[in-house]
Amino acid sequence: MPRGSRGGGGLRGAGVWPAVAGVAAVAAVVLRLQGRLWLCSCGRFRPWFGDAWGSETSQQLFDPYSFTHVLHGFAFAGLLAVVAARAGWRWRLLLAVALEAAWEVFENTQYVINRYREATAALGYNGDTVVNSLGDVIACAAGVLLARKLGLLKSLLVFALTEAVLLFWIRDGLLLNILLLVYPSETVKAWQAGH
């Protein structure tokens, strides 16, 4: 195989970034068509909002839940390394971003928004703004790139450490979030509400 051709195609060099931006742009349009606001209804843009239980969580570019989307990137990197092992890392990055963008669209359907309200402590959750969803896609891409740099063992360690920090910091995390969506627990919800 010629040098640089593995997983290449149209994604050699910097070519992956326009493709990633294109996927994000399509997701933004679909989210807007779903009725998502571009920006926070509060009328201001913040690159970071640090109160996980505040009204601007899921409304600004990044918030504490952005770290769970970095973990999405770790998980997608691992999954795609197995199921798309022959694809180059740029293709896997693009696939991970596409999966994250699809999740953002699905997450902001009324079905999932209602599920979050019923099954988790996110009682007032109304869905994400488009800018927050784009922040989540960026966080996922960062997770893929970080996992690629760290390798499997260090990625698993960082994943576990991030989950532990999130449990202490915001009483939530990626694995707990998934657990509550699949198997709601009033005990866990009460613990989370004790923030």
N, C-alpha and C. Protein backbone atom coordinates (compact mmCIF):
# COMPACT_ATOMS: atom_id res chain seq x y z
N MET A 1 0.85 -1.17 0.00
CA MET A 1 0.00 0.00 0.00
C MET A 1 0.90 1.24 0.00
N PRO A 2 0.65 2.23 -0.87
CA PRO A 2 1.49 3.41 -0.91
C PRO A 2 1.41 4.19 0.40
N ARG A 3 2.50 4.82 0.74
CA ARG A 3 2.58 5.60 1.97
C ARG A 3 1.46 6.65 1.99
N GLY A 4 0.77 6.75 3.13
CA GLY A 4 -0.27 7.76 3.30
C GLY A 4 -1.61 7.36 2.72
N SER A 5 -1.70 6.17 2.09
CA SER A 5 -2.97 5.83 1.46
C SER A 5 -3.92 5.12 2.42
N ARG A 6 -3.41 4.55 3.50
CA ARG A 6 -4.27 3.83 4.43
C ARG A 6 -5.29 4.79 5.05
N GLY A 7 -6.56 4.55 4.79
CA GLY A 7 -7.61 5.39 5.34
C GLY A 7 -7.60 6.77 4.73
N GLY A 8 -6.89 6.98 3.65
CA GLY A 8 -6.72 8.31 3.07
C GLY A 8 -7.93 8.80 2.34
N GLY A 9 -8.01 8.51 1.05
CA GLY A 9 -9.10 9.05 0.25
C GLY A 9 -9.08 10.55 0.29
N GLY A 10 -10.22 11.15 0.47
CA GLY A 10 -10.33 12.60 0.51
C GLY A 10 -10.01 13.19 1.86
N LEU A 11 -9.55 12.37 2.81
CA LEU A 11 -9.31 12.87 4.16
C LEU A 11 -7.84 12.93 4.51
N ARG A 12 -6.97 13.02 3.55
CA ARG A 12 -5.54 13.15 3.84
C ARG A 12 -5.25 14.52 4.40
N GLY A 13 -4.22 14.57 5.23
CA GLY A 13 -3.78 15.86 5.78
C GLY A 13 -4.90 16.57 6.50
N ALA A 14 -5.08 17.84 6.19
CA ALA A 14 -6.08 18.66 6.86
C ALA A 14 -7.47 18.46 6.28
N GLY A 15 -7.64 17.58 5.30
CA GLY A 15 -8.93 17.37 4.65
C GLY A 15 -10.02 16.88 5.58
N VAL A 16 -9.66 16.32 6.73
CA VAL A 16 -10.67 15.83 7.66
C VAL A 16 -11.45 16.99 8.28
N TRP A 17 -10.81 18.13 8.48
CA TRP A 17 -11.47 19.22 9.20
C TRP A 17 -12.64 19.82 8.44
N PRO A 18 -12.54 20.05 7.11
CA PRO A 18 -13.75 20.50 6.40
C PRO A 18 -14.89 19.48 6.47
N ALA A 19 -14.54 18.19 6.43
CA ALA A 19 -15.56 17.15 6.53
C ALA A 19 -16.22 17.17 7.91
N VAL A 20 -15.42 17.32 8.96
CA VAL A 20 -15.94 17.41 10.33
C VAL A 20 -16.84 18.64 10.46
N ALA A 21 -16.38 19.77 9.92
CA ALA A 21 -17.18 21.00 9.97
C ALA A 21 -18.48 20.83 9.20
N GLY A 22 -18.44 20.12 8.09
CA GLY A 22 -19.65 19.87 7.30
C GLY A 22 -20.67 19.05 8.08
N VAL A 23 -20.20 18.01 8.78
CA VAL A 23 -21.09 17.19 9.60
C VAL A 23 -21.71 18.05 10.70
N ALA A 24 -20.89 18.88 11.35
CA ALA A 24 -21.40 19.75 12.42
C ALA A 24 -22.42 20.74 11.88
N ALA A 25 -22.16 21.27 10.69
CA ALA A 25 -23.09 22.24 10.08
C ALA A 25 -24.43 21.59 9.77
N VAL A 26 -24.40 20.38 9.24
CA VAL A 26 -25.65 19.66 8.95
C VAL A 26 -26.42 19.42 10.25
N ALA A 27 -25.71 19.00 11.29
CA ALA A 27 -26.36 18.77 12.58
C ALA A 27 -26.98 20.06 13.10
N ALA A 28 -26.27 21.18 12.97
CA ALA A 28 -26.80 22.47 13.44
C ALA A 28 -28.10 22.83 12.72
N VAL A 29 -28.13 22.62 11.42
CA VAL A 29 -29.34 22.92 10.64
C VAL A 29 -30.50 22.02 11.08
N VAL A 30 -30.23 20.73 11.25
CA VAL A 30 -31.28 19.79 11.66
C VAL A 30 -31.79 20.15 13.06
N LEU A 31 -30.88 20.48 13.97
CA LEU A 31 -31.28 20.88 15.32
C LEU A 31 -32.16 22.13 15.30
N ARG A 32 -31.77 23.08 14.46
CA ARG A 32 -32.58 24.32 14.35
C ARG A 32 -33.96 23.99 13.78
N LEU A 33 -34.02 23.09 12.80
CA LEU A 33 -35.30 22.68 12.23
C LEU A 33 -36.17 21.94 13.26
N GLN A 34 -35.51 21.32 14.25
CA GLN A 34 -36.23 20.66 15.34
C GLN A 34 -36.81 21.68 16.33
N GLY A 35 -36.42 22.94 16.17
CA GLY A 35 -36.91 23.96 17.08
C GLY A 35 -35.94 24.38 18.16
N ARG A 36 -34.72 23.85 18.11
CA ARG A 36 -33.71 24.24 19.10
C ARG A 36 -33.32 25.70 18.85
N LEU A 37 -33.12 26.46 19.92
CA LEU A 37 -32.64 27.84 19.81
C LEU A 37 -31.17 27.83 19.44
N TRP A 38 -30.73 28.83 18.69
CA TRP A 38 -29.31 28.94 18.38
C TRP A 38 -28.51 29.18 19.65
N LEU A 39 -28.97 30.15 20.45
CA LEU A 39 -28.25 30.56 21.66
C LEU A 39 -29.19 30.51 22.86
N CYS A 40 -28.62 30.65 24.02
CA CYS A 40 -29.37 30.67 25.27
C CYS A 40 -30.47 31.73 25.23
N SER A 41 -31.65 31.38 25.71
CA SER A 41 -32.76 32.35 25.76
C SER A 41 -32.47 33.48 26.74
N CYS A 42 -31.41 33.32 27.54
CA CYS A 42 -31.02 34.37 28.49
C CYS A 42 -30.47 35.60 27.77
N GLY A 43 -30.14 35.43 26.49
CA GLY A 43 -29.69 36.57 25.69
C GLY A 43 -28.19 36.82 25.69
N ARG A 44 -27.43 35.94 26.32
CA ARG A 44 -25.98 36.14 26.31
C ARG A 44 -25.27 34.84 25.93
N PHE A 45 -24.10 34.99 25.37
CA PHE A 45 -23.27 33.85 25.00
C PHE A 45 -22.12 33.75 25.98
N ARG A 46 -21.89 32.56 26.48
CA ARG A 46 -20.73 32.30 27.34
C ARG A 46 -20.02 31.07 26.78
N PRO A 47 -18.70 31.14 26.69
CA PRO A 47 -18.00 29.93 26.25
C PRO A 47 -18.05 28.83 27.31
N TRP A 48 -18.19 29.21 28.59
CA TRP A 48 -18.22 28.23 29.67
C TRP A 48 -19.26 28.65 30.70
N PHE A 49 -20.05 27.70 31.16
CA PHE A 49 -20.98 27.90 32.27
C PHE A 49 -20.73 26.76 33.24
N GLY A 50 -20.26 27.06 34.44
CA GLY A 50 -19.77 26.02 35.34
C GLY A 50 -20.76 25.43 36.32
N ASP A 51 -21.97 25.94 36.41
CA ASP A 51 -22.94 25.43 37.36
C ASP A 51 -23.79 24.34 36.69
N ALA A 52 -23.48 23.08 37.01
CA ALA A 52 -24.18 21.96 36.36
C ALA A 52 -25.67 21.96 36.62
N TRP A 53 -26.11 22.59 37.69
CA TRP A 53 -27.53 22.61 38.04
C TRP A 53 -28.17 23.94 37.71
N GLY A 54 -27.43 24.84 37.06
CA GLY A 54 -27.95 26.15 36.72
C GLY A 54 -28.77 26.15 35.45
N SER A 55 -29.51 27.22 35.26
CA SER A 55 -30.43 27.31 34.12
C SER A 55 -29.73 27.43 32.77
N GLU A 56 -28.43 27.77 32.79
CA GLU A 56 -27.72 27.91 31.52
C GLU A 56 -26.93 26.66 31.13
N THR A 57 -27.02 25.61 31.95
CA THR A 57 -26.42 24.33 31.56
C THR A 57 -27.17 23.80 30.34
N SER A 58 -26.43 23.29 29.39
CA SER A 58 -26.96 22.81 28.10
C SER A 58 -27.41 23.96 27.21
N GLN A 59 -27.10 25.19 27.60
CA GLN A 59 -27.48 26.36 26.83
C GLN A 59 -26.27 27.12 26.29
N GLN A 60 -25.15 27.01 26.99
CA GLN A 60 -23.93 27.70 26.58
C GLN A 60 -23.00 26.72 25.86
N LEU A 61 -21.90 27.23 25.31
CA LEU A 61 -21.03 26.39 24.49
C LEU A 61 -20.53 25.16 25.25
N PHE A 62 -19.93 25.38 26.41
CA PHE A 62 -19.42 24.27 27.23
C PHE A 62 -19.94 24.42 28.65
N ASP A 63 -20.12 23.28 29.31
CA ASP A 63 -20.55 23.22 30.71
C ASP A 63 -19.97 21.94 31.30
N PRO A 64 -20.20 21.66 32.58
CA PRO A 64 -19.62 20.44 33.15
C PRO A 64 -19.96 19.15 32.38
N TYR A 65 -21.12 19.11 31.74
CA TYR A 65 -21.49 17.92 30.97
C TYR A 65 -20.67 17.78 29.69
N SER A 66 -19.95 18.80 29.31
CA SER A 66 -19.06 18.69 28.15
C SER A 66 -18.04 17.58 28.36
N PHE A 67 -17.65 17.36 29.62
CA PHE A 67 -16.68 16.29 29.90
C PHE A 67 -17.26 14.92 29.58
N THR A 68 -18.58 14.75 29.72
CA THR A 68 -19.17 13.45 29.33
C THR A 68 -19.08 13.26 27.82
N HIS A 69 -19.09 14.35 27.07
CA HIS A 69 -18.98 14.24 25.61
C HIS A 69 -17.53 13.97 25.19
N VAL A 70 -16.57 14.42 25.99
CA VAL A 70 -15.19 13.99 25.77
C VAL A 70 -15.11 12.48 25.95
N LEU A 71 -15.82 11.98 26.95
CA LEU A 71 -15.84 10.53 27.17
C LEU A 71 -16.55 9.79 26.05
N HIS A 72 -17.56 10.43 25.44
CA HIS A 72 -18.15 9.84 24.22
C HIS A 72 -17.04 9.61 23.20
N GLY A 73 -16.18 10.61 23.05
CA GLY A 73 -15.07 10.52 22.10
C GLY A 73 -14.15 9.36 22.42
N PHE A 74 -13.85 9.17 23.71
CA PHE A 74 -13.02 8.03 24.12
C PHE A 74 -13.72 6.73 23.72
N ALA A 75 -15.01 6.63 24.03
CA ALA A 75 -15.75 5.40 23.75
C ALA A 75 -15.84 5.14 22.25
N PHE A 76 -16.13 6.19 21.47
CA PHE A 76 -16.20 6.02 20.01
C PHE A 76 -14.84 5.63 19.44
N ALA A 77 -13.78 6.24 19.98
CA ALA A 77 -12.43 5.90 19.50
C ALA A 77 -12.14 4.42 19.72
N GLY A 78 -12.50 3.92 20.89
CA GLY A 78 -12.28 2.50 21.19
C GLY A 78 -13.14 1.60 20.32
N LEU A 79 -14.42 1.92 20.21
CA LEU A 79 -15.33 1.12 19.40
C LEU A 79 -14.90 1.08 17.94
N LEU A 80 -14.58 2.25 17.40
CA LEU A 80 -14.21 2.32 15.98
C LEU A 80 -12.84 1.69 15.71
N ALA A 81 -11.97 1.69 16.71
CA ALA A 81 -10.68 1.00 16.54
C ALA A 81 -10.89 -0.50 16.36
N VAL A 82 -12.00 -1.01 16.89
CA VAL A 82 -12.33 -2.43 16.75
C VAL A 82 -13.12 -2.69 15.47
N VAL A 83 -14.22 -1.94 15.27
CA VAL A 83 -15.11 -2.25 14.15
C VAL A 83 -14.65 -1.62 12.83
N ALA A 84 -13.78 -0.63 12.89
CA ALA A 84 -13.27 0.01 11.66
C ALA A 84 -11.75 0.10 11.73
N ALA A 85 -11.14 -1.00 12.16
CA ALA A 85 -9.70 -1.02 12.40
C ALA A 85 -8.88 -0.69 11.15
N ARG A 86 -9.39 -1.04 9.99
CA ARG A 86 -8.64 -0.79 8.76
C ARG A 86 -8.74 0.65 8.27
N ALA A 87 -9.70 1.39 8.81
CA ALA A 87 -9.86 2.80 8.43
C ALA A 87 -8.77 3.62 9.12
N GLY A 88 -8.30 4.63 8.48
CA GLY A 88 -7.33 5.52 9.09
C GLY A 88 -7.97 6.33 10.21
N TRP A 89 -7.15 6.93 11.04
CA TRP A 89 -7.67 7.67 12.18
C TRP A 89 -8.55 8.84 11.77
N ARG A 90 -8.26 9.43 10.61
CA ARG A 90 -9.09 10.55 10.16
C ARG A 90 -10.51 10.10 9.84
N TRP A 91 -10.64 8.93 9.21
CA TRP A 91 -11.96 8.38 8.94
C TRP A 91 -12.68 8.05 10.24
N ARG A 92 -11.94 7.49 11.19
CA ARG A 92 -12.56 7.17 12.49
C ARG A 92 -12.98 8.43 13.23
N LEU A 93 -12.19 9.48 13.13
CA LEU A 93 -12.58 10.77 13.73
C LEU A 93 -13.87 11.26 13.09
N LEU A 94 -13.94 11.23 11.78
CA LEU A 94 -15.14 11.69 11.08
C LEU A 94 -16.35 10.83 11.46
N LEU A 95 -16.18 9.52 11.54
CA LEU A 95 -17.28 8.64 11.94
C LEU A 95 -17.73 8.95 13.37
N ALA A 96 -16.78 9.19 14.26
CA ALA A 96 -17.13 9.52 15.65
C ALA A 96 -17.91 10.83 15.71
N VAL A 97 -17.48 11.82 14.95
CA VAL A 97 -18.18 13.10 14.93
C VAL A 97 -19.59 12.91 14.36
N ALA A 98 -19.71 12.09 13.33
CA ALA A 98 -21.03 11.81 12.76
C ALA A 98 -21.94 11.10 13.77
N LEU A 99 -21.38 10.15 14.52
CA LEU A 99 -22.15 9.47 15.56
C LEU A 99 -22.58 10.46 16.65
N GLU A 100 -21.67 11.32 17.05
CA GLU A 100 -22.00 12.32 18.08
C GLU A 100 -23.05 13.30 17.57
N ALA A 101 -22.92 13.73 16.33
CA ALA A 101 -23.91 14.65 15.75
C ALA A 101 -25.28 13.98 15.70
N ALA A 102 -25.31 12.70 15.32
CA ALA A 102 -26.57 11.96 15.29
C ALA A 102 -27.16 11.85 16.69
N TRP A 103 -26.30 11.60 17.68
CA TRP A 103 -26.77 11.55 19.07
C TRP A 103 -27.37 12.89 19.47
N GLU A 104 -26.70 13.99 19.13
CA GLU A 104 -27.21 15.32 19.49
C GLU A 104 -28.59 15.56 18.90
N VAL A 105 -28.79 15.15 17.67
CA VAL A 105 -30.11 15.31 17.04
C VAL A 105 -31.14 14.45 17.77
N PHE A 106 -30.79 13.19 18.05
CA PHE A 106 -31.71 12.29 18.75
C PHE A 106 -31.96 12.75 20.18
N GLU A 107 -30.90 13.19 20.86
CA GLU A 107 -31.01 13.64 22.25
C GLU A 107 -31.98 14.81 22.39
N ASN A 108 -32.12 15.59 21.34
CA ASN A 108 -32.97 16.77 21.39
C ASN A 108 -34.34 16.55 20.79
N THR A 109 -34.73 15.28 20.66
CA THR A 109 -36.11 14.98 20.29
C THR A 109 -36.95 15.05 21.57
N GLN A 110 -38.23 15.26 21.42
CA GLN A 110 -39.11 15.35 22.59
C GLN A 110 -39.10 14.06 23.38
N TYR A 111 -38.96 12.93 22.70
CA TYR A 111 -38.92 11.63 23.39
C TYR A 111 -37.77 11.58 24.40
N VAL A 112 -36.56 11.94 23.96
CA VAL A 112 -35.39 11.85 24.85
C VAL A 112 -35.44 12.94 25.92
N ILE A 113 -35.86 14.14 25.54
CA ILE A 113 -35.99 15.22 26.53
C ILE A 113 -36.93 14.77 27.66
N ASN A 114 -38.07 14.20 27.30
CA ASN A 114 -39.01 13.72 28.31
C ASN A 114 -38.42 12.58 29.13
N ARG A 115 -37.65 11.72 28.47
CA ARG A 115 -37.00 10.61 29.20
C ARG A 115 -36.03 11.15 30.23
N TYR A 116 -35.24 12.16 29.87
CA TYR A 116 -34.33 12.77 30.84
C TYR A 116 -35.12 13.33 32.03
N ARG A 117 -36.23 13.99 31.76
CA ARG A 117 -37.04 14.56 32.84
C ARG A 117 -37.60 13.49 33.76
N GLU A 118 -38.03 12.36 33.18
CA GLU A 118 -38.64 11.29 33.96
C GLU A 118 -37.62 10.45 34.71
N ALA A 119 -36.50 10.14 34.06
CA ALA A 119 -35.59 9.12 34.59
C ALA A 119 -34.38 9.67 35.33
N THR A 120 -34.08 10.95 35.16
CA THR A 120 -32.89 11.51 35.80
C THR A 120 -33.29 12.70 36.67
N ALA A 121 -32.32 13.32 37.30
CA ALA A 121 -32.58 14.48 38.15
C ALA A 121 -32.71 15.76 37.33
N ALA A 122 -32.67 15.67 36.01
CA ALA A 122 -32.75 16.85 35.13
C ALA A 122 -34.22 17.23 34.90
N LEU A 123 -34.90 17.59 35.97
CA LEU A 123 -36.34 17.83 35.90
C LEU A 123 -36.71 18.98 34.98
N GLY A 124 -35.92 20.04 34.96
CA GLY A 124 -36.24 21.20 34.14
C GLY A 124 -35.58 21.20 32.78
N TYR A 125 -35.03 20.07 32.38
CA TYR A 125 -34.30 20.00 31.11
C TYR A 125 -35.23 20.22 29.93
N ASN A 126 -34.86 21.17 29.06
CA ASN A 126 -35.66 21.49 27.88
C ASN A 126 -34.92 21.22 26.58
N GLY A 127 -33.81 20.52 26.65
CA GLY A 127 -32.99 20.28 25.46
C GLY A 127 -31.86 21.27 25.38
N ASP A 128 -30.99 21.05 24.41
CA ASP A 128 -29.80 21.87 24.23
C ASP A 128 -30.06 22.99 23.23
N THR A 129 -29.25 24.04 23.34
CA THR A 129 -29.21 25.01 22.25
C THR A 129 -28.33 24.43 21.15
N VAL A 130 -28.43 25.01 19.98
CA VAL A 130 -27.57 24.55 18.88
C VAL A 130 -26.11 24.76 19.24
N VAL A 131 -25.79 25.90 19.86
CA VAL A 131 -24.39 26.17 20.20
C VAL A 131 -23.87 25.16 21.22
N ASN A 132 -24.72 24.72 22.16
CA ASN A 132 -24.29 23.72 23.12
C ASN A 132 -24.07 22.37 22.45
N SER A 133 -24.96 22.01 21.53
CA SER A 133 -24.77 20.75 20.79
C SER A 133 -23.48 20.79 19.99
N LEU A 134 -23.17 21.93 19.39
CA LEU A 134 -21.90 22.05 18.66
C LEU A 134 -20.72 21.94 19.61
N GLY A 135 -20.85 22.51 20.80
CA GLY A 135 -19.81 22.34 21.82
C GLY A 135 -19.62 20.88 22.19
N ASP A 136 -20.73 20.15 22.27
CA ASP A 136 -20.66 18.72 22.58
C ASP A 136 -19.96 17.95 21.47
N VAL A 137 -20.21 18.32 20.23
CA VAL A 137 -19.53 17.67 19.09
C VAL A 137 -18.04 17.97 19.14
N ILE A 138 -17.67 19.21 19.46
CA ILE A 138 -16.26 19.58 19.59
C ILE A 138 -15.62 18.78 20.72
N ALA A 139 -16.33 18.67 21.85
CA ALA A 139 -15.79 17.91 22.99
C ALA A 139 -15.58 16.44 22.61
N CYS A 140 -16.50 15.87 21.87
CA CYS A 140 -16.36 14.49 21.42
C CYS A 140 -15.13 14.34 20.52
N ALA A 141 -14.98 15.26 19.56
CA ALA A 141 -13.80 15.21 18.67
C ALA A 141 -12.52 15.32 19.48
N ALA A 142 -12.52 16.19 20.49
CA ALA A 142 -11.34 16.32 21.36
C ALA A 142 -11.06 15.01 22.07
N GLY A 143 -12.13 14.31 22.50
CA GLY A 143 -11.97 13.02 23.16
C GLY A 143 -11.36 11.98 22.24
N VAL A 144 -11.79 11.96 20.99
CA VAL A 144 -11.22 11.02 20.01
C VAL A 144 -9.73 11.29 19.83
N LEU A 145 -9.39 12.56 19.65
CA LEU A 145 -7.99 12.92 19.43
C LEU A 145 -7.13 12.63 20.67
N LEU A 146 -7.69 12.90 21.85
CA LEU A 146 -6.96 12.63 23.09
C LEU A 146 -6.76 11.12 23.27
N ALA A 147 -7.79 10.33 23.00
CA ALA A 147 -7.68 8.87 23.12
C ALA A 147 -6.63 8.33 22.15
N ARG A 148 -6.58 8.90 20.96
CA ARG A 148 -5.58 8.48 19.97
C ARG A 148 -4.17 8.73 20.50
N LYS A 149 -4.00 9.87 21.15
CA LYS A 149 -2.68 10.24 21.68
C LYS A 149 -2.31 9.39 22.91
N LEU A 150 -3.29 9.12 23.77
CA LEU A 150 -3.02 8.42 25.02
C LEU A 150 -2.85 6.91 24.85
N GLY A 151 -3.55 6.32 23.90
CA GLY A 151 -3.55 4.87 23.79
C GLY A 151 -4.58 4.27 24.74
N LEU A 152 -4.76 2.96 24.65
CA LEU A 152 -5.84 2.27 25.34
C LEU A 152 -5.75 2.38 26.86
N LEU A 153 -4.64 1.99 27.46
CA LEU A 153 -4.56 1.93 28.92
C LEU A 153 -4.69 3.30 29.56
N LYS A 154 -3.99 4.29 29.03
CA LYS A 154 -4.09 5.64 29.59
C LYS A 154 -5.47 6.23 29.36
N SER A 155 -6.09 5.90 28.23
CA SER A 155 -7.45 6.38 27.96
C SER A 155 -8.43 5.81 28.97
N LEU A 156 -8.30 4.52 29.28
CA LEU A 156 -9.17 3.90 30.28
C LEU A 156 -8.99 4.55 31.65
N LEU A 157 -7.75 4.86 31.99
CA LEU A 157 -7.46 5.52 33.26
C LEU A 157 -8.08 6.92 33.31
N VAL A 158 -7.89 7.69 32.25
CA VAL A 158 -8.46 9.04 32.19
C VAL A 158 -9.98 8.98 32.20
N PHE A 159 -10.56 8.01 31.50
CA PHE A 159 -12.02 7.82 31.50
C PHE A 159 -12.50 7.61 32.93
N ALA A 160 -11.89 6.66 33.64
CA ALA A 160 -12.31 6.34 35.01
C ALA A 160 -12.12 7.54 35.94
N LEU A 161 -11.01 8.23 35.80
CA LEU A 161 -10.73 9.41 36.62
C LEU A 161 -11.74 10.52 36.37
N THR A 162 -12.08 10.74 35.10
CA THR A 162 -13.06 11.77 34.74
C THR A 162 -14.42 11.42 35.32
N GLU A 163 -14.82 10.17 35.21
CA GLU A 163 -16.09 9.74 35.79
C GLU A 163 -16.12 9.99 37.30
N ALA A 164 -15.01 9.65 37.98
CA ALA A 164 -14.94 9.84 39.44
C ALA A 164 -15.03 11.32 39.80
N VAL A 165 -14.32 12.17 39.08
CA VAL A 165 -14.37 13.61 39.35
C VAL A 165 -15.78 14.14 39.13
N LEU A 166 -16.43 13.72 38.04
CA LEU A 166 -17.79 14.18 37.76
C LEU A 166 -18.77 13.72 38.84
N LEU A 167 -18.60 12.50 39.36
CA LEU A 167 -19.49 12.02 40.41
C LEU A 167 -19.39 12.89 41.66
N PHE A 168 -18.17 13.29 42.02
CA PHE A 168 -17.99 14.15 43.19
C PHE A 168 -18.37 15.60 42.91
N TRP A 169 -18.08 16.07 41.70
CA TRP A 169 -18.30 17.47 41.36
C TRP A 169 -19.77 17.78 41.08
N ILE A 170 -20.41 17.00 40.20
CA ILE A 170 -21.78 17.32 39.78
C ILE A 170 -22.77 16.20 40.10
N ARG A 171 -22.30 15.15 40.79
CA ARG A 171 -23.15 14.01 41.13
C ARG A 171 -23.77 13.38 39.88
N ASP A 172 -23.00 13.32 38.83
CA ASP A 172 -23.45 12.74 37.58
C ASP A 172 -22.22 12.36 36.77
N GLY A 173 -22.42 11.69 35.68
CA GLY A 173 -21.34 11.29 34.80
C GLY A 173 -21.94 10.52 33.63
N LEU A 174 -21.12 10.14 32.70
CA LEU A 174 -21.62 9.45 31.52
C LEU A 174 -22.26 8.12 31.88
N LEU A 175 -21.57 7.29 32.65
CA LEU A 175 -22.09 5.96 32.96
C LEU A 175 -23.34 6.04 33.83
N LEU A 176 -23.36 6.96 34.79
CA LEU A 176 -24.55 7.13 35.63
C LEU A 176 -25.72 7.64 34.81
N ASN A 177 -25.45 8.54 33.88
CA ASN A 177 -26.48 9.08 33.00
C ASN A 177 -27.11 7.97 32.17
N ILE A 178 -26.27 7.13 31.59
CA ILE A 178 -26.76 6.00 30.79
C ILE A 178 -27.57 5.04 31.67
N LEU A 179 -27.05 4.74 32.84
CA LEU A 179 -27.74 3.84 33.76
C LEU A 179 -29.14 4.36 34.08
N LEU A 180 -29.25 5.66 34.40
CA LEU A 180 -30.55 6.21 34.77
C LEU A 180 -31.52 6.27 33.60
N LEU A 181 -30.99 6.49 32.40
CA LEU A 181 -31.88 6.48 31.23
C LEU A 181 -32.45 5.10 30.97
N VAL A 182 -31.63 4.07 31.23
CA VAL A 182 -32.06 2.69 30.98
C VAL A 182 -32.82 2.11 32.18
N TYR A 183 -32.31 2.40 33.37
CA TYR A 183 -32.88 1.82 34.59
C TYR A 183 -32.99 2.92 35.65
N PRO A 184 -34.07 3.70 35.62
CA PRO A 184 -34.23 4.81 36.58
C PRO A 184 -34.20 4.33 38.03
N SER A 185 -33.62 5.15 38.89
CA SER A 185 -33.53 4.83 40.31
C SER A 185 -33.89 6.06 41.12
N GLU A 186 -34.95 5.96 41.90
CA GLU A 186 -35.35 7.09 42.75
C GLU A 186 -34.29 7.39 43.80
N THR A 187 -33.59 6.36 44.26
CA THR A 187 -32.53 6.56 45.25
C THR A 187 -31.40 7.40 44.67
N VAL A 188 -30.97 7.06 43.46
CA VAL A 188 -29.89 7.82 42.82
C VAL A 188 -30.36 9.23 42.51
N LYS A 189 -31.58 9.38 42.02
CA LYS A 189 -32.12 10.71 41.73
C LYS A 189 -32.15 11.58 42.99
N ALA A 190 -32.53 10.99 44.13
CA ALA A 190 -32.55 11.73 45.39
C ALA A 190 -31.14 12.14 45.79
N TRP A 191 -30.17 11.22 45.60
CA TRP A 191 -28.77 11.57 45.91
C TRP A 191 -28.30 12.72 45.02
N GLN A 192 -28.62 12.67 43.73
CA GLN A 192 -28.24 13.74 42.82
C GLN A 192 -28.87 15.06 43.22
N ALA A 193 -30.12 15.02 43.65
CA ALA A 193 -30.83 16.25 44.00
C ALA A 193 -30.29 16.88 45.26
N GLY A 194 -29.49 16.15 46.01
CA GLY A 194 -28.88 16.70 47.21
C GLY A 194 -27.69 17.58 46.96
N HIS A 195 -27.55 18.04 45.71
CA HIS A 195 -26.41 18.88 45.32
C HIS A 195 -26.37 20.11 46.20
